[in-house]
Amino acid sequence: MSTRETIRDAALALDPEERAALIEDLLRSFDPAIRQEIHTALAEEAESRIDAYDRGDLKSIALEESRKRIEVL
């Protein structure tokens, strides 16, 4: 097993909040220009999903269902 796979498996064993914090730490490790690109891409994706929801193309789910889906990952 490669180092990356070992780290990935360990990260996936974390609870959702710890995984989110790890993601934030990793994103901060990129240089500022790349971080800005990532931020812009995430913001565009969020806006796209909001627009899709407003058009009726996406439906919402209850918070509890969302948490269950995250825990499965």
PDB file of N, CA and C in Angstrom:
ATOM      1  N   MET A   1       0.859  -1.170   0.000  1.00  0.00           N
ATOM      2  CA  MET A   1       0.000   0.000   0.000  1.00  0.00           C
ATOM      3  C   MET A   1       0.907   1.237   0.000  1.00  0.00           C
ATOM      4  N   SER A   2       0.574   2.202  -0.835  1.00  0.00           N
ATOM      5  CA  SER A   2       1.377   3.420  -0.914  1.00  0.00           C
ATOM      6  C   SER A   2       1.119   4.326   0.286  1.00  0.00           C
ATOM      7  N   THR A   3       2.019   5.272   0.488  1.00  0.00           N
ATOM      8  CA  THR A   3       1.852   6.242   1.576  1.00  0.00           C
ATOM      9  C   THR A   3       0.552   7.013   1.400  1.00  0.00           C
ATOM     10  N   ARG A   4       0.251   7.416   0.162  1.00  0.00           N
ATOM     11  CA  ARG A   4      -0.979   8.164  -0.095  1.00  0.00           C
ATOM     12  C   ARG A   4      -2.202   7.346   0.273  1.00  0.00           C
ATOM     13  N   GLU A   5      -2.198   6.074  -0.074  1.00  0.00           N
ATOM     14  CA  GLU A   5      -3.330   5.212   0.261  1.00  0.00           C
ATOM     15  C   GLU A   5      -3.463   5.030   1.772  1.00  0.00           C
ATOM     16  N   THR A   6      -2.343   4.920   2.453  1.00  0.00           N
ATOM     17  CA  THR A   6      -2.364   4.778   3.904  1.00  0.00           C
ATOM     18  C   THR A   6      -2.946   6.029   4.553  1.00  0.00           C
ATOM     19  N   ILE A   7      -2.495   7.188   4.082  1.00  0.00           N
ATOM     20  CA  ILE A   7      -3.011   8.453   4.613  1.00  0.00           C
ATOM     21  C   ILE A   7      -4.493   8.601   4.290  1.00  0.00           C
ATOM     22  N   ARG A   8      -4.876   8.260   3.059  1.00  0.00           N
ATOM     23  CA  ARG A   8      -6.288   8.337   2.661  1.00  0.00           C
ATOM     24  C   ARG A   8      -7.151   7.469   3.555  1.00  0.00           C
ATOM     25  N   ASP A   9      -6.738   6.249   3.782  1.00  0.00           N
ATOM     26  CA  ASP A   9      -7.522   5.341   4.613  1.00  0.00           C
ATOM     27  C   ASP A   9      -7.650   5.869   6.044  1.00  0.00           C
ATOM     28  N   ALA A  10      -6.553   6.416   6.565  1.00  0.00           N
ATOM     29  CA  ALA A  10      -6.599   6.990   7.913  1.00  0.00           C
ATOM     30  C   ALA A  10      -7.537   8.198   7.941  1.00  0.00           C
ATOM     31  N   ALA A  11      -7.484   9.026   6.910  1.00  0.00           N
ATOM     32  CA  ALA A  11      -8.353  10.206   6.852  1.00  0.00           C
ATOM     33  C   ALA A  11      -9.820   9.793   6.765  1.00  0.00           C
ATOM     34  N   LEU A  12     -10.121   8.768   6.002  1.00  0.00           N
ATOM     35  CA  LEU A  12     -11.503   8.313   5.864  1.00  0.00           C
ATOM     36  C   LEU A  12     -12.049   7.709   7.153  1.00  0.00           C
ATOM     37  N   ALA A  13     -11.166   7.310   8.040  1.00  0.00           N
ATOM     38  CA  ALA A  13     -11.598   6.758   9.325  1.00  0.00           C
ATOM     39  C   ALA A  13     -11.963   7.862  10.325  1.00  0.00           C
ATOM     40  N   LEU A  14     -11.622   9.113  10.009  1.00  0.00           N
ATOM     41  CA  LEU A  14     -11.955  10.236  10.880  1.00  0.00           C
ATOM     42  C   LEU A  14     -13.448  10.526  10.827  1.00  0.00           C
ATOM     43  N   ASP A  15     -13.960  11.178  11.873  1.00  0.00           N
ATOM     44  CA  ASP A  15     -15.361  11.579  11.812  1.00  0.00           C
ATOM     45  C   ASP A  15     -15.493  12.748  10.831  1.00  0.00           C
ATOM     46  N   PRO A  16     -16.698  13.031  10.343  1.00  0.00           N
ATOM     47  CA  PRO A  16     -16.883  14.052   9.300  1.00  0.00           C
ATOM     48  C   PRO A  16     -16.282  15.416   9.636  1.00  0.00           C
ATOM     49  N   GLU A  17     -16.417  15.855  10.880  1.00  0.00           N
ATOM     50  CA  GLU A  17     -15.860  17.163  11.247  1.00  0.00           C
ATOM     51  C   GLU A  17     -14.341  17.165  11.180  1.00  0.00           C
ATOM     52  N   GLU A  18     -13.722  16.083  11.598  1.00  0.00           N
ATOM     53  CA  GLU A  18     -12.266  15.989  11.528  1.00  0.00           C
ATOM     54  C   GLU A  18     -11.796  15.931  10.072  1.00  0.00           C
ATOM     55  N   ARG A  19     -12.547  15.217   9.219  1.00  0.00           N
ATOM     56  CA  ARG A  19     -12.192  15.170   7.799  1.00  0.00           C
ATOM     57  C   ARG A  19     -12.291  16.556   7.176  1.00  0.00           C
ATOM     58  N   ALA A  20     -13.338  17.307   7.527  1.00  0.00           N
ATOM     59  CA  ALA A  20     -13.494  18.662   6.990  1.00  0.00           C
ATOM     60  C   ALA A  20     -12.332  19.549   7.430  1.00  0.00           C
ATOM     61  N   ALA A  21     -11.928  19.435   8.690  1.00  0.00           N
ATOM     62  CA  ALA A  21     -10.795  20.227   9.182  1.00  0.00           C
ATOM     63  C   ALA A  21      -9.513  19.843   8.450  1.00  0.00           C
ATOM     64  N   LEU A  22      -9.329  18.560   8.189  1.00  0.00           N
ATOM     65  CA  LEU A  22      -8.158  18.107   7.452  1.00  0.00           C
ATOM     66  C   LEU A  22      -8.158  18.673   6.036  1.00  0.00           C
ATOM     67  N   ILE A  23      -9.315  18.655   5.397  1.00  0.00           N
ATOM     68  CA  ILE A  23      -9.422  19.224   4.056  1.00  0.00           C
ATOM     69  C   ILE A  23      -9.015  20.689   4.071  1.00  0.00           C
ATOM     70  N   GLU A  24      -9.510  21.434   5.051  1.00  0.00           N
ATOM     71  CA  GLU A  24      -9.144  22.851   5.172  1.00  0.00           C
ATOM     72  C   GLU A  24      -7.639  23.005   5.343  1.00  0.00           C
ATOM     73  N   ASP A  25      -7.037  22.175   6.178  1.00  0.00           N
ATOM     74  CA  ASP A  25      -5.588  22.236   6.384  1.00  0.00           C
ATOM     75  C   ASP A  25      -4.840  21.983   5.078  1.00  0.00           C
ATOM     76  N   LEU A  26      -5.294  20.976   4.334  1.00  0.00           N
ATOM     77  CA  LEU A  26      -4.621  20.648   3.077  1.00  0.00           C
ATOM     78  C   LEU A  26      -4.793  21.766   2.055  1.00  0.00           C
ATOM     79  N   LEU A  27      -5.980  22.341   1.971  1.00  0.00           N
ATOM     80  CA  LEU A  27      -6.192  23.440   1.026  1.00  0.00           C
ATOM     81  C   LEU A  27      -5.311  24.636   1.367  1.00  0.00           C
ATOM     82  N   ARG A  28      -5.140  24.909   2.661  1.00  0.00           N
ATOM     83  CA  ARG A  28      -4.286  26.023   3.076  1.00  0.00           C
ATOM     84  C   ARG A  28      -2.823  25.779   2.724  1.00  0.00           C
ATOM     85  N   SER A  29      -2.450  24.518   2.495  1.00  0.00           N
ATOM     86  CA  SER A  29      -1.058  24.210   2.185  1.00  0.00           C
ATOM     87  C   SER A  29      -0.669  24.574   0.752  1.00  0.00           C
ATOM     88  N   PHE A  30      -1.642  24.860  -0.112  1.00  0.00           N
ATOM     89  CA  PHE A  30      -1.348  25.270  -1.480  1.00  0.00           C
ATOM     90  C   PHE A  30      -0.935  26.737  -1.504  1.00  0.00           C
ATOM     91  N   ASP A  31      -0.215  27.129  -2.555  1.00  0.00           N
ATOM     92  CA  ASP A  31       0.180  28.536  -2.623  1.00  0.00           C
ATOM     93  C   ASP A  31      -1.056  29.408  -2.837  1.00  0.00           C
ATOM     94  N   PRO A  32      -0.955  30.692  -2.505  1.00  0.00           N
ATOM     95  CA  PRO A  32      -2.135  31.582  -2.533  1.00  0.00           C
ATOM     96  C   PRO A  32      -2.870  31.616  -3.871  1.00  0.00           C
ATOM     97  N   ALA A  33      -2.164  31.569  -4.974  1.00  0.00           N
ATOM     98  CA  ALA A  33      -2.821  31.620  -6.286  1.00  0.00           C
ATOM     99  C   ALA A  33      -3.696  30.389  -6.501  1.00  0.00           C
ATOM    100  N   ILE A  34      -3.178  29.237  -6.131  1.00  0.00           N
ATOM    101  CA  ILE A  34      -3.949  28.001  -6.280  1.00  0.00           C
ATOM    102  C   ILE A  34      -5.130  28.008  -5.310  1.00  0.00           C
ATOM    103  N   ARG A  35      -4.896  28.492  -4.081  1.00  0.00           N
ATOM    104  CA  ARG A  35      -5.997  28.571  -3.111  1.00  0.00           C
ATOM    105  C   ARG A  35      -7.115  29.452  -3.645  1.00  0.00           C
ATOM    106  N   GLN A  36      -6.758  30.560  -4.304  1.00  0.00           N
ATOM    107  CA  GLN A  36      -7.784  31.431  -4.862  1.00  0.00           C
ATOM    108  C   GLN A  36      -8.554  30.723  -5.967  1.00  0.00           C
ATOM    109  N   GLU A  37      -7.859  29.962  -6.796  1.00  0.00           N
ATOM    110  CA  GLU A  37      -8.535  29.194  -7.845  1.00  0.00           C
ATOM    111  C   GLU A  37      -9.504  28.181  -7.227  1.00  0.00           C
ATOM    112  N   ILE A  38      -9.072  27.517  -6.176  1.00  0.00           N
ATOM    113  CA  ILE A  38      -9.927  26.538  -5.502  1.00  0.00           C
ATOM    114  C   ILE A  38     -11.138  27.239  -4.897  1.00  0.00           C
ATOM    115  N   HIS A  39     -10.896  28.349  -4.230  1.00  0.00           N
ATOM    116  CA  HIS A  39     -11.994  29.113  -3.621  1.00  0.00           C
ATOM    117  C   HIS A  39     -12.999  29.547  -4.686  1.00  0.00           C
ATOM    118  N   THR A  40     -12.495  30.057  -5.799  1.00  0.00           N
ATOM    119  CA  THR A  40     -13.379  30.501  -6.885  1.00  0.00           C
ATOM    120  C   THR A  40     -14.187  29.337  -7.436  1.00  0.00           C
ATOM    121  N   ALA A  41     -13.540  28.204  -7.648  1.00  0.00           N
ATOM    122  CA  ALA A  41     -14.240  27.030  -8.169  1.00  0.00           C
ATOM    123  C   ALA A  41     -15.323  26.553  -7.197  1.00  0.00           C
ATOM    124  N   LEU A  42     -15.005  26.538  -5.907  1.00  0.00           N
ATOM    125  CA  LEU A  42     -15.998  26.117  -4.917  1.00  0.00           C
ATOM    126  C   LEU A  42     -17.164  27.093  -4.857  1.00  0.00           C
ATOM    127  N   ALA A  43     -16.871  28.393  -4.927  1.00  0.00           N
ATOM    128  CA  ALA A  43     -17.936  29.403  -4.906  1.00  0.00           C
ATOM    129  C   ALA A  43     -18.826  29.276  -6.140  1.00  0.00           C
ATOM    130  N   GLU A  44     -18.221  29.055  -7.302  1.00  0.00           N
ATOM    131  CA  GLU A  44     -19.007  28.885  -8.527  1.00  0.00           C
ATOM    132  C   GLU A  44     -19.893  27.649  -8.443  1.00  0.00           C
ATOM    133  N   GLU A  45     -19.364  26.565  -7.889  1.00  0.00           N
ATOM    134  CA  GLU A  45     -20.155  25.341  -7.730  1.00  0.00           C
ATOM    135  C   GLU A  45     -21.319  25.574  -6.781  1.00  0.00           C
ATOM    136  N   ALA A  46     -21.065  26.274  -5.683  1.00  0.00           N
ATOM    137  CA  ALA A  46     -22.141  26.562  -4.730  1.00  0.00           C
ATOM    138  C   ALA A  46     -23.228  27.406  -5.391  1.00  0.00           C
ATOM    139  N   GLU A  47     -22.829  28.431  -6.121  1.00  0.00           N
ATOM    140  CA  GLU A  47     -23.812  29.283  -6.817  1.00  0.00           C
ATOM    141  C   GLU A  47     -24.600  28.475  -7.846  1.00  0.00           C
ATOM    142  N   SER A  48     -23.912  27.583  -8.543  1.00  0.00           N
ATOM    143  CA  SER A  48     -24.577  26.751  -9.541  1.00  0.00           C
ATOM    144  C   SER A  48     -25.632  25.857  -8.887  1.00  0.00           C
ATOM    145  N   ARG A  49     -25.309  25.304  -7.738  1.00  0.00           N
ATOM    146  CA  ARG A  49     -26.260  24.443  -7.029  1.00  0.00           C
ATOM    147  C   ARG A  49     -27.445  25.245  -6.484  1.00  0.00           C
ATOM    148  N   ILE A  50     -27.176  26.444  -5.997  1.00  0.00           N
ATOM    149  CA  ILE A  50     -28.266  27.306  -5.529  1.00  0.00           C
ATOM    150  C   ILE A  50     -29.194  27.638  -6.685  1.00  0.00           C
ATOM    151  N   ASP A  51     -28.616  27.998  -7.817  1.00  0.00           N
ATOM    152  CA  ASP A  51     -29.430  28.311  -8.997  1.00  0.00           C
ATOM    153  C   ASP A  51     -30.260  27.103  -9.425  1.00  0.00           C
ATOM    154  N   ALA A  52     -29.652  25.923  -9.425  1.00  0.00           N
ATOM    155  CA  ALA A  52     -30.372  24.701  -9.799  1.00  0.00           C
ATOM    156  C   ALA A  52     -31.515  24.440  -8.820  1.00  0.00           C
ATOM    157  N   TYR A  53     -31.274  24.673  -7.540  1.00  0.00           N
ATOM    158  CA  TYR A  53     -32.335  24.497  -6.540  1.00  0.00           C
ATOM    159  C   TYR A  53     -33.474  25.490  -6.801  1.00  0.00           C
ATOM    160  N   ASP A  54     -33.109  26.746  -7.056  1.00  0.00           N
ATOM    161  CA  ASP A  54     -34.117  27.777  -7.321  1.00  0.00           C
ATOM    162  C   ASP A  54     -34.958  27.445  -8.559  1.00  0.00           C
ATOM    163  N   ARG A  55     -34.343  26.810  -9.556  1.00  0.00           N
ATOM    164  CA  ARG A  55     -35.066  26.417 -10.776  1.00  0.00           C
ATOM    165  C   ARG A  55     -35.898  25.159 -10.556  1.00  0.00           C
ATOM    166  N   GLY A  56     -35.668  24.462  -9.462  1.00  0.00           N
ATOM    167  CA  GLY A  56     -36.380  23.215  -9.203  1.00  0.00           C
ATOM    168  C   GLY A  56     -35.663  21.995  -9.742  1.00  0.00           C
ATOM    169  N   ASP A  57     -34.421  22.165 -10.216  1.00  0.00           N
ATOM    170  CA  ASP A  57     -33.642  21.041 -10.744  1.00  0.00           C
ATOM    171  C   ASP A  57     -33.018  20.195  -9.637  1.00  0.00           C
ATOM    172  N   LEU A  58     -32.864  20.764  -8.455  1.00  0.00           N
ATOM    173  CA  LEU A  58     -32.334  20.050  -7.294  1.00  0.00           C
ATOM    174  C   LEU A  58     -33.343  20.141  -6.163  1.00  0.00           C
ATOM    175  N   LYS A  59     -33.413  19.089  -5.388  1.00  0.00           N
ATOM    176  CA  LYS A  59     -34.294  19.086  -4.225  1.00  0.00           C
ATOM    177  C   LYS A  59     -33.449  19.054  -2.967  1.00  0.00           C
ATOM    178  N   SER A  60     -33.995  19.577  -1.906  1.00  0.00           N
ATOM    179  CA  SER A  60     -33.283  19.553  -0.635  1.00  0.00           C
ATOM    180  C   SER A  60     -33.595  18.253   0.103  1.00  0.00           C
ATOM    181  N   ILE A  61     -32.733  17.944   1.064  1.00  0.00           N
ATOM    182  CA  ILE A  61     -32.988  16.812   1.941  1.00  0.00           C
ATOM    183  C   ILE A  61     -32.851  17.305   3.379  1.00  0.00           C
ATOM    184  N   ALA A  62     -33.431  16.573   4.288  1.00  0.00           N
ATOM    185  CA  ALA A  62     -33.372  16.932   5.704  1.00  0.00           C
ATOM    186  C   ALA A  62     -31.923  16.843   6.202  1.00  0.00           C
ATOM    187  N   LEU A  63     -31.598  17.668   7.186  1.00  0.00           N
ATOM    188  CA  LEU A  63     -30.255  17.680   7.753  1.00  0.00           C
ATOM    189  C   LEU A  63     -29.851  16.290   8.240  1.00  0.00           C
ATOM    190  N   GLU A  64     -30.766  15.603   8.893  1.00  0.00           N
ATOM    191  CA  GLU A  64     -30.449  14.264   9.416  1.00  0.00           C
ATOM    192  C   GLU A  64     -30.066  13.314   8.277  1.00  0.00           C
ATOM    193  N   GLU A  65     -30.776  13.380   7.169  1.00  0.00           N
ATOM    194  CA  GLU A  65     -30.446  12.532   6.008  1.00  0.00           C
ATOM    195  C   GLU A  65     -29.075  12.903   5.460  1.00  0.00           C
ATOM    196  N   SER A  66     -28.785  14.188   5.406  1.00  0.00           N
ATOM    197  CA  SER A  66     -27.488  14.644   4.924  1.00  0.00           C
ATOM    198  C   SER A  66     -26.366  14.097   5.816  1.00  0.00           C
ATOM    199  N   ARG A  67     -26.552  14.164   7.106  1.00  0.00           N
ATOM    200  CA  ARG A  67     -25.531  13.638   8.028  1.00  0.00           C
ATOM    201  C   ARG A  67     -25.348  12.142   7.866  1.00  0.00           C
ATOM    202  N   LYS A  68     -26.429  11.418   7.651  1.00  0.00           N
ATOM    203  CA  LYS A  68     -26.329   9.975   7.441  1.00  0.00           C
ATOM    204  C   LYS A  68     -25.500   9.677   6.197  1.00  0.00           C
ATOM    205  N   ARG A  69     -25.740  10.438   5.131  1.00  0.00           N
ATOM    206  CA  ARG A  69     -24.993  10.217   3.892  1.00  0.00           C
ATOM    207  C   ARG A  69     -23.514  10.514   4.079  1.00  0.00           C
ATOM    208  N   ILE A  70     -23.194  11.556   4.833  1.00  0.00           N
ATOM    209  CA  ILE A  70     -21.790  11.895   5.088  1.00  0.00           C
ATOM    210  C   ILE A  70     -21.123  10.798   5.895  1.00  0.00           C
ATOM    211  N   GLU A  71     -21.808  10.278   6.890  1.00  0.00           N
ATOM    212  CA  GLU A  71     -21.228   9.235   7.745  1.00  0.00           C
ATOM    213  C   GLU A  71     -20.932   7.961   6.964  1.00  0.00           C
ATOM    214  N   VAL A  72     -21.684   7.686   5.922  1.00  0.00           N
ATOM    215  CA  VAL A  72     -21.460   6.490   5.105  1.00  0.00           C
ATOM    216  C   VAL A  72     -20.160   6.618   4.339  1.00  0.00           C
ATOM    217  N   LEU A  73     -19.826   7.842   3.935  1.00  0.00           N
ATOM    218  CA  LEU A  73     -18.599   8.045   3.176  1.00  0.00           C
ATOM    219  C   LEU A  73     -17.419   7.807   4.075  1.00  0.00           C
TER     220      LEU A  73
END
